[in-house]
Amino acid sequence: MSSTELTPPEAARWAARAGLPLPHDRHAAVAATADHIHTVVSVLRELDFGDTPPASTYRVGKEKPDATV
């Protein structure tokens, strides 16, 4: 998706390509929602996760007890 806003006709076309035909009255709402999601994801793409290990290395276990309690 480009950096320009998704228009309602484009939202309808993309939905149809995905096999999800939209009623005409939903085109604008879907376009607005897609634009909002794109905005949020764009912010996440700017974050630096260089020192963050991949999620596959996370192991669930007991936390160490807090010594100050």
N, C-alpha and C. Protein backbone atom coordinates (compact mmCIF):
# COMPACT_ATOMS: atom_id res chain seq x y z
N MET A 1 0.85 -1.17 0.00
CA MET A 1 0.00 0.00 0.00
C MET A 1 0.89 1.23 0.00
N SER A 2 0.48 2.21 -0.73
CA SER A 2 1.28 3.43 -0.81
C SER A 2 1.07 4.29 0.42
N SER A 3 1.79 5.42 0.48
CA SER A 3 1.67 6.31 1.62
C SER A 3 0.43 7.20 1.51
N THR A 4 -0.27 7.15 0.39
CA THR A 4 -1.50 7.94 0.24
C THR A 4 -2.66 7.16 0.85
N GLU A 5 -3.72 7.90 1.18
CA GLU A 5 -4.88 7.25 1.79
C GLU A 5 -5.58 6.32 0.81
N LEU A 6 -6.12 5.26 1.34
CA LEU A 6 -6.88 4.30 0.55
C LEU A 6 -8.26 4.89 0.29
N THR A 7 -8.67 4.91 -0.96
CA THR A 7 -9.99 5.44 -1.29
C THR A 7 -11.04 4.34 -1.14
N PRO A 8 -12.30 4.71 -0.94
CA PRO A 8 -13.34 3.69 -0.84
C PRO A 8 -13.41 2.75 -2.04
N PRO A 9 -13.29 3.25 -3.30
CA PRO A 9 -13.29 2.29 -4.42
C PRO A 9 -12.10 1.33 -4.39
N GLU A 10 -10.94 1.83 -3.96
CA GLU A 10 -9.77 0.94 -3.85
C GLU A 10 -10.00 -0.11 -2.77
N ALA A 11 -10.60 0.29 -1.66
CA ALA A 11 -10.89 -0.67 -0.58
C ALA A 11 -11.83 -1.76 -1.09
N ALA A 12 -12.83 -1.37 -1.87
CA ALA A 12 -13.75 -2.35 -2.43
C ALA A 12 -13.04 -3.29 -3.40
N ARG A 13 -12.15 -2.74 -4.21
CA ARG A 13 -11.41 -3.56 -5.17
C ARG A 13 -10.50 -4.55 -4.45
N TRP A 14 -9.77 -4.10 -3.43
CA TRP A 14 -8.89 -4.99 -2.68
C TRP A 14 -9.68 -6.07 -1.95
N ALA A 15 -10.81 -5.69 -1.39
CA ALA A 15 -11.65 -6.67 -0.70
C ALA A 15 -12.16 -7.72 -1.69
N ALA A 16 -12.60 -7.29 -2.85
CA ALA A 16 -13.08 -8.22 -3.87
C ALA A 16 -11.98 -9.17 -4.32
N ARG A 17 -10.76 -8.64 -4.46
CA ARG A 17 -9.62 -9.50 -4.85
C ARG A 17 -9.35 -10.56 -3.81
N ALA A 18 -9.64 -10.23 -2.54
CA ALA A 18 -9.43 -11.18 -1.45
C ALA A 18 -10.62 -12.11 -1.26
N GLY A 19 -11.65 -11.97 -2.11
CA GLY A 19 -12.82 -12.82 -2.01
C GLY A 19 -13.81 -12.35 -0.96
N LEU A 20 -13.74 -11.07 -0.61
CA LEU A 20 -14.63 -10.50 0.40
C LEU A 20 -15.40 -9.32 -0.17
N PRO A 21 -16.38 -9.58 -1.01
CA PRO A 21 -17.13 -8.46 -1.60
C PRO A 21 -17.82 -7.65 -0.50
N LEU A 22 -17.74 -6.33 -0.63
CA LEU A 22 -18.31 -5.43 0.37
C LEU A 22 -19.57 -4.76 -0.17
N PRO A 23 -20.58 -4.60 0.71
CA PRO A 23 -21.72 -3.78 0.30
C PRO A 23 -21.25 -2.35 0.08
N HIS A 24 -21.88 -1.66 -0.82
CA HIS A 24 -21.46 -0.29 -1.18
C HIS A 24 -21.37 0.63 0.04
N ASP A 25 -22.29 0.48 0.99
CA ASP A 25 -22.29 1.38 2.15
C ASP A 25 -21.15 1.12 3.13
N ARG A 26 -20.35 0.07 2.93
CA ARG A 26 -19.22 -0.25 3.81
C ARG A 26 -17.88 0.20 3.25
N HIS A 27 -17.82 0.61 2.00
CA HIS A 27 -16.55 0.97 1.36
C HIS A 27 -15.80 2.05 2.13
N ALA A 28 -16.46 3.12 2.50
CA ALA A 28 -15.79 4.23 3.19
C ALA A 28 -15.30 3.81 4.57
N ALA A 29 -16.10 3.04 5.30
CA ALA A 29 -15.69 2.60 6.64
C ALA A 29 -14.48 1.68 6.57
N VAL A 30 -14.47 0.77 5.61
CA VAL A 30 -13.34 -0.14 5.45
C VAL A 30 -12.08 0.63 5.05
N ALA A 31 -12.22 1.60 4.16
CA ALA A 31 -11.06 2.41 3.75
C ALA A 31 -10.50 3.18 4.95
N ALA A 32 -11.37 3.77 5.76
CA ALA A 32 -10.92 4.52 6.94
C ALA A 32 -10.23 3.60 7.94
N THR A 33 -10.76 2.41 8.15
CA THR A 33 -10.14 1.46 9.08
C THR A 33 -8.79 1.00 8.57
N ALA A 34 -8.70 0.72 7.29
CA ALA A 34 -7.42 0.30 6.70
C ALA A 34 -6.38 1.42 6.82
N ASP A 35 -6.79 2.66 6.60
CA ASP A 35 -5.86 3.79 6.76
C ASP A 35 -5.37 3.91 8.19
N HIS A 36 -6.27 3.70 9.16
CA HIS A 36 -5.87 3.77 10.56
C HIS A 36 -4.85 2.67 10.90
N ILE A 37 -5.13 1.47 10.46
CA ILE A 37 -4.21 0.36 10.70
C ILE A 37 -2.86 0.64 10.06
N HIS A 38 -2.86 1.17 8.86
CA HIS A 38 -1.62 1.50 8.17
C HIS A 38 -0.82 2.54 8.96
N THR A 39 -1.51 3.52 9.53
CA THR A 39 -0.84 4.55 10.33
C THR A 39 -0.17 3.93 11.55
N VAL A 40 -0.87 3.04 12.25
CA VAL A 40 -0.32 2.41 13.45
C VAL A 40 0.88 1.53 13.09
N VAL A 41 0.75 0.75 12.03
CA VAL A 41 1.85 -0.13 11.62
C VAL A 41 3.07 0.69 11.18
N SER A 42 2.84 1.82 10.54
CA SER A 42 3.95 2.68 10.11
C SER A 42 4.77 3.14 11.30
N VAL A 43 4.11 3.46 12.41
CA VAL A 43 4.82 3.87 13.63
C VAL A 43 5.64 2.70 14.16
N LEU A 44 5.07 1.50 14.16
CA LEU A 44 5.80 0.33 14.66
C LEU A 44 7.02 0.02 13.80
N ARG A 45 6.94 0.28 12.51
CA ARG A 45 8.08 0.01 11.62
C ARG A 45 9.27 0.92 11.92
N GLU A 46 9.02 2.04 12.55
CA GLU A 46 10.10 2.98 12.87
C GLU A 46 10.85 2.60 14.14
N LEU A 47 10.32 1.67 14.94
CA LEU A 47 10.96 1.28 16.19
C LEU A 47 12.20 0.43 15.92
N ASP A 48 13.20 0.59 16.76
CA ASP A 48 14.44 -0.18 16.63
C ASP A 48 14.38 -1.36 17.60
N PHE A 49 14.26 -2.55 17.05
CA PHE A 49 14.22 -3.76 17.86
C PHE A 49 15.54 -4.54 17.76
N GLY A 50 16.62 -3.83 17.50
CA GLY A 50 17.92 -4.45 17.28
C GLY A 50 18.38 -5.40 18.36
N ASP A 51 18.18 -5.07 19.64
CA ASP A 51 18.65 -5.92 20.74
C ASP A 51 17.56 -6.81 21.31
N THR A 52 16.41 -6.83 20.69
CA THR A 52 15.29 -7.63 21.18
C THR A 52 15.38 -9.02 20.58
N PRO A 53 15.42 -10.06 21.44
CA PRO A 53 15.49 -11.42 20.89
C PRO A 53 14.14 -11.79 20.25
N PRO A 54 14.16 -12.73 19.32
CA PRO A 54 12.91 -13.16 18.70
C PRO A 54 11.99 -13.82 19.72
N ALA A 55 10.71 -13.78 19.47
CA ALA A 55 9.72 -14.34 20.39
C ALA A 55 9.94 -15.83 20.63
N SER A 56 10.52 -16.52 19.69
CA SER A 56 10.74 -17.97 19.85
C SER A 56 11.72 -18.29 20.98
N THR A 57 12.49 -17.30 21.45
CA THR A 57 13.43 -17.55 22.54
C THR A 57 12.80 -17.34 23.91
N TYR A 58 11.57 -16.80 23.96
CA TYR A 58 10.90 -16.55 25.23
C TYR A 58 10.41 -17.86 25.83
N ARG A 59 10.67 -18.05 27.10
CA ARG A 59 10.22 -19.25 27.81
C ARG A 59 9.38 -18.83 29.01
N VAL A 60 8.21 -19.44 29.13
CA VAL A 60 7.33 -19.15 30.25
C VAL A 60 7.84 -19.89 31.47
N GLY A 61 7.88 -19.22 32.59
CA GLY A 61 8.32 -19.84 33.82
C GLY A 61 7.98 -18.94 35.01
N LYS A 62 8.31 -19.41 36.17
CA LYS A 62 8.06 -18.60 37.36
C LYS A 62 9.00 -17.42 37.37
N GLU A 63 8.46 -16.30 37.81
CA GLU A 63 9.30 -15.12 37.97
C GLU A 63 10.07 -15.26 39.28
N LYS A 64 11.21 -14.62 39.34
CA LYS A 64 11.99 -14.63 40.57
C LYS A 64 11.26 -13.79 41.60
N PRO A 65 11.21 -14.23 42.86
CA PRO A 65 10.54 -13.43 43.87
C PRO A 65 11.25 -12.12 44.11
N ASP A 66 10.48 -11.11 44.39
CA ASP A 66 11.02 -9.77 44.64
C ASP A 66 11.62 -9.74 46.04
N ALA A 67 12.89 -9.44 46.15
CA ALA A 67 13.60 -9.46 47.43
C ALA A 67 13.19 -8.30 48.33
N THR A 68 12.54 -7.27 47.79
CA THR A 68 12.21 -6.12 48.61
C THR A 68 10.87 -6.25 49.33
N VAL A 69 10.13 -7.32 49.06
CA VAL A 69 8.80 -7.46 49.68
C VAL A 69 8.92 -8.09 51.03
